[in-house]
Amino acid sequence: MRLIYTILTNALALFAVSISLTGFTFEGGWVAPLIAAVILTLLNMLVKPVLKLLSFPLVFISAGLFLIIINAGILYLTQEILRVMDIQGVSMNIDNLLTYLLSAIIFGIANWLIHWFLKE
């Protein structure tokens, strides 16, 4: 049940990012953020802990700001996996590096707010 909750909150946060930034778009209606959220959740569970462990010195030196880079990288991986999966009519498009960084920040804030409002 916790996994479904996490996927739904990630989908809502991704939708909030797509509304906030013009360079972050989805094609495929409401299904696109949901599929992207499934991929993002799996990457956050499997890849992100390894990246955080390997980059611990950079995270420590930057007082945690390097986590934004890691989150932007996870969003990039999500976009690439969605592109490779080639689901008909479903895509996530992020324009440039600045949009990746801003979307990582907005996604983190939106996800935190959603969790705060919904408090299990």
C-alpha atoms as a PDB file:
ATOM      1  CA  MET A   1       0.000   0.000   0.000  1.00  0.00           C
ATOM      2  CA  ARG A   2       2.917   2.313   0.770  1.00  0.00           C
ATOM      3  CA  LEU A   3       4.277   1.800  -2.750  1.00  0.00           C
ATOM      4  CA  ILE A   4       0.977   2.852  -4.345  1.00  0.00           C
ATOM      5  CA  TYR A   5       0.873   5.925  -2.099  1.00  0.00           C
ATOM      6  CA  THR A   6       4.412   6.850  -3.163  1.00  0.00           C
ATOM      7  CA  ILE A   7       3.636   6.363  -6.857  1.00  0.00           C
ATOM      8  CA  LEU A   8       0.516   8.531  -6.637  1.00  0.00           C
ATOM      9  CA  THR A   9       2.294  11.327  -4.770  1.00  0.00           C
ATOM     10  CA  ASN A  10       5.147  11.219  -7.293  1.00  0.00           C
ATOM     11  CA  ALA A  11       2.606  11.422 -10.134  1.00  0.00           C
ATOM     12  CA  LEU A  12       0.971  14.457  -8.519  1.00  0.00           C
ATOM     13  CA  ALA A  13       4.360  16.093  -7.997  1.00  0.00           C
ATOM     14  CA  LEU A  14       5.362  15.434 -11.622  1.00  0.00           C
ATOM     15  CA  PHE A  15       2.059  16.924 -12.753  1.00  0.00           C
ATOM     16  CA  ALA A  16       2.754  20.003 -10.581  1.00  0.00           C
ATOM     17  CA  VAL A  17       6.174  20.369 -12.210  1.00  0.00           C
ATOM     18  CA  SER A  18       4.660  20.132 -15.685  1.00  0.00           C
ATOM     19  CA  ILE A  19       2.235  22.913 -14.796  1.00  0.00           C
ATOM     20  CA  SER A  20       4.996  25.085 -13.292  1.00  0.00           C
ATOM     21  CA  LEU A  21       7.648  24.837 -16.016  1.00  0.00           C
ATOM     22  CA  THR A  22       7.095  25.390 -19.711  1.00  0.00           C
ATOM     23  CA  GLY A  23      10.110  23.233 -20.619  1.00  0.00           C
ATOM     24  CA  PHE A  24       8.725  20.184 -18.785  1.00  0.00           C
ATOM     25  CA  THR A  25       5.866  18.565 -20.673  1.00  0.00           C
ATOM     26  CA  PHE A  26       3.976  15.306 -20.857  1.00  0.00           C
ATOM     27  CA  GLU A  27       2.237  13.792 -23.846  1.00  0.00           C
ATOM     28  CA  GLY A  28      -0.368  11.121 -23.252  1.00  0.00           C
ATOM     29  CA  GLY A  29      -2.843  12.651 -20.838  1.00  0.00           C
ATOM     30  CA  TRP A  30      -3.027  11.567 -17.214  1.00  0.00           C
ATOM     31  CA  VAL A  31      -1.411   8.202 -18.001  1.00  0.00           C
ATOM     32  CA  ALA A  32       1.970   9.787 -18.798  1.00  0.00           C
ATOM     33  CA  PRO A  33       2.689  11.203 -15.310  1.00  0.00           C
ATOM     34  CA  LEU A  34       1.479   7.945 -13.779  1.00  0.00           C
ATOM     35  CA  ILE A  35       3.836   5.787 -15.855  1.00  0.00           C
ATOM     36  CA  ALA A  36       6.676   8.260 -15.276  1.00  0.00           C
ATOM     37  CA  ALA A  37       5.937   8.107 -11.535  1.00  0.00           C
ATOM     38  CA  VAL A  38       6.228   4.310 -11.541  1.00  0.00           C
ATOM     39  CA  ILE A  39       9.618   4.538 -13.254  1.00  0.00           C
ATOM     40  CA  LEU A  40      10.729   7.390 -10.985  1.00  0.00           C
ATOM     41  CA  THR A  41       9.692   5.499  -7.856  1.00  0.00           C
ATOM     42  CA  LEU A  42      11.634   2.416  -8.932  1.00  0.00           C
ATOM     43  CA  LEU A  43      14.702   4.524  -9.707  1.00  0.00           C
ATOM     44  CA  ASN A  44      14.411   6.271  -6.344  1.00  0.00           C
ATOM     45  CA  MET A  45      14.266   2.890  -4.626  1.00  0.00           C
ATOM     46  CA  LEU A  46      17.049   1.162  -6.566  1.00  0.00           C
ATOM     47  CA  VAL A  47      19.456   3.680  -8.107  1.00  0.00           C
ATOM     48  CA  LYS A  48      19.264   6.770  -5.904  1.00  0.00           C
ATOM     49  CA  PRO A  49      20.662   5.125  -2.736  1.00  0.00           C
ATOM     50  CA  VAL A  50      23.712   3.929  -4.684  1.00  0.00           C
ATOM     51  CA  LEU A  51      24.240   7.379  -6.194  1.00  0.00           C
ATOM     52  CA  LYS A  52      23.924   9.005  -2.774  1.00  0.00           C
ATOM     53  CA  LEU A  53      26.449   6.598  -1.298  1.00  0.00           C
ATOM     54  CA  LEU A  54      28.954   7.067  -4.114  1.00  0.00           C
ATOM     55  CA  SER A  55      28.613  10.848  -4.078  1.00  0.00           C
ATOM     56  CA  PHE A  56      28.631  11.262  -0.298  1.00  0.00           C
ATOM     57  CA  PRO A  57      31.787  13.435  -0.293  1.00  0.00           C
ATOM     58  CA  LEU A  58      30.219  15.842  -2.810  1.00  0.00           C
ATOM     59  CA  VAL A  59      26.948  15.924  -0.875  1.00  0.00           C
ATOM     60  CA  PHE A  60      28.874  16.631   2.334  1.00  0.00           C
ATOM     61  CA  ILE A  61      31.057  19.362   0.807  1.00  0.00           C
ATOM     62  CA  SER A  62      28.084  21.072  -0.843  1.00  0.00           C
ATOM     63  CA  ALA A  63      25.957  20.870   2.329  1.00  0.00           C
ATOM     64  CA  GLY A  64      23.406  18.710   0.518  1.00  0.00           C
ATOM     65  CA  LEU A  65      23.028  20.831  -2.611  1.00  0.00           C
ATOM     66  CA  PHE A  66      24.513  18.036  -4.733  1.00  0.00           C
ATOM     67  CA  LEU A  67      21.310  16.093  -4.022  1.00  0.00           C
ATOM     68  CA  ILE A  68      19.599  18.439  -6.483  1.00  0.00           C
ATOM     69  CA  ILE A  69      22.028  17.205  -9.159  1.00  0.00           C
ATOM     70  CA  ILE A  70      21.248  13.597  -8.204  1.00  0.00           C
ATOM     71  CA  ASN A  71      17.497  14.276  -8.408  1.00  0.00           C
ATOM     72  CA  ALA A  72      17.955  15.940 -11.811  1.00  0.00           C
ATOM     73  CA  GLY A  73      19.883  12.865 -12.934  1.00  0.00           C
ATOM     74  CA  ILE A  74      17.053  10.608 -11.756  1.00  0.00           C
ATOM     75  CA  LEU A  75      14.609  12.730 -13.778  1.00  0.00           C
ATOM     76  CA  TYR A  76      16.895  12.373 -16.805  1.00  0.00           C
ATOM     77  CA  LEU A  77      16.989   8.590 -16.349  1.00  0.00           C
ATOM     78  CA  THR A  78      13.195   8.554 -16.028  1.00  0.00           C
ATOM     79  CA  GLN A  79      12.836  10.464 -19.287  1.00  0.00           C
ATOM     80  CA  GLU A  80      15.284   8.166 -21.088  1.00  0.00           C
ATOM     81  CA  ILE A  81      13.657   4.964 -19.809  1.00  0.00           C
ATOM     82  CA  LEU A  82      10.255   6.284 -20.857  1.00  0.00           C
ATOM     83  CA  ARG A  83      11.679   7.111 -24.293  1.00  0.00           C
ATOM     84  CA  VAL A  84      13.273   3.656 -24.666  1.00  0.00           C
ATOM     85  CA  MET A  85      10.086   1.885 -23.532  1.00  0.00           C
ATOM     86  CA  ASP A  86       8.337   3.641 -26.441  1.00  0.00           C
ATOM     87  CA  ILE A  87       4.805   3.421 -25.081  1.00  0.00           C
ATOM     88  CA  GLN A  88       2.474   4.649 -27.819  1.00  0.00           C
ATOM     89  CA  GLY A  89       1.496   8.281 -27.234  1.00  0.00           C
ATOM     90  CA  VAL A  90       3.228   8.606 -23.850  1.00  0.00           C
ATOM     91  CA  SER A  91       6.316  10.766 -23.393  1.00  0.00           C
ATOM     92  CA  MET A  92       7.999  13.126 -20.965  1.00  0.00           C
ATOM     93  CA  ASN A  93      10.027  15.987 -22.432  1.00  0.00           C
ATOM     94  CA  ILE A  94      12.488  18.132 -20.515  1.00  0.00           C
ATOM     95  CA  ASP A  95      14.157  20.847 -22.573  1.00  0.00           C
ATOM     96  CA  ASN A  96      17.575  21.650 -21.088  1.00  0.00           C
ATOM     97  CA  LEU A  97      19.899  21.398 -18.087  1.00  0.00           C
ATOM     98  CA  LEU A  98      18.380  24.383 -16.306  1.00  0.00           C
ATOM     99  CA  THR A  99      14.919  22.846 -16.662  1.00  0.00           C
ATOM    100  CA  TYR A 100      16.261  19.587 -15.180  1.00  0.00           C
ATOM    101  CA  LEU A 101      17.628  21.453 -12.163  1.00  0.00           C
ATOM    102  CA  LEU A 102      14.498  23.562 -11.666  1.00  0.00           C
ATOM    103  CA  SER A 103      12.246  20.550 -12.102  1.00  0.00           C
ATOM    104  CA  ALA A 104      14.269  18.627  -9.483  1.00  0.00           C
ATOM    105  CA  ILE A 105      13.794  21.497  -7.024  1.00  0.00           C
ATOM    106  CA  ILE A 106      10.086  21.959  -7.785  1.00  0.00           C
ATOM    107  CA  PHE A 107       9.503  18.181  -7.712  1.00  0.00           C
ATOM    108  CA  GLY A 108      11.119  17.941  -4.285  1.00  0.00           C
ATOM    109  CA  ILE A 109       9.092  20.824  -2.887  1.00  0.00           C
ATOM    110  CA  ALA A 110       5.836  19.589  -4.434  1.00  0.00           C
ATOM    111  CA  ASN A 111       6.427  16.051  -3.183  1.00  0.00           C
ATOM    112  CA  TRP A 112       7.165  17.342   0.326  1.00  0.00           C
ATOM    113  CA  LEU A 113       4.002  19.499   0.318  1.00  0.00           C
ATOM    114  CA  ILE A 114       1.834  16.628  -0.902  1.00  0.00           C
ATOM    115  CA  HIS A 115       3.186  14.330   1.809  1.00  0.00           C
ATOM    116  CA  TRP A 116       2.689  17.080   4.389  1.00  0.00           C
ATOM    117  CA  PHE A 117      -0.942  17.678   3.380  1.00  0.00           C
ATOM    118  CA  LEU A 118      -1.871  14.018   3.085  1.00  0.00           C
ATOM    119  CA  LYS A 119      -0.059  12.791   6.220  1.00  0.00           C
ATOM    120  CA  GLU A 120      -0.747   9.095   6.294  1.00  0.00           C
END
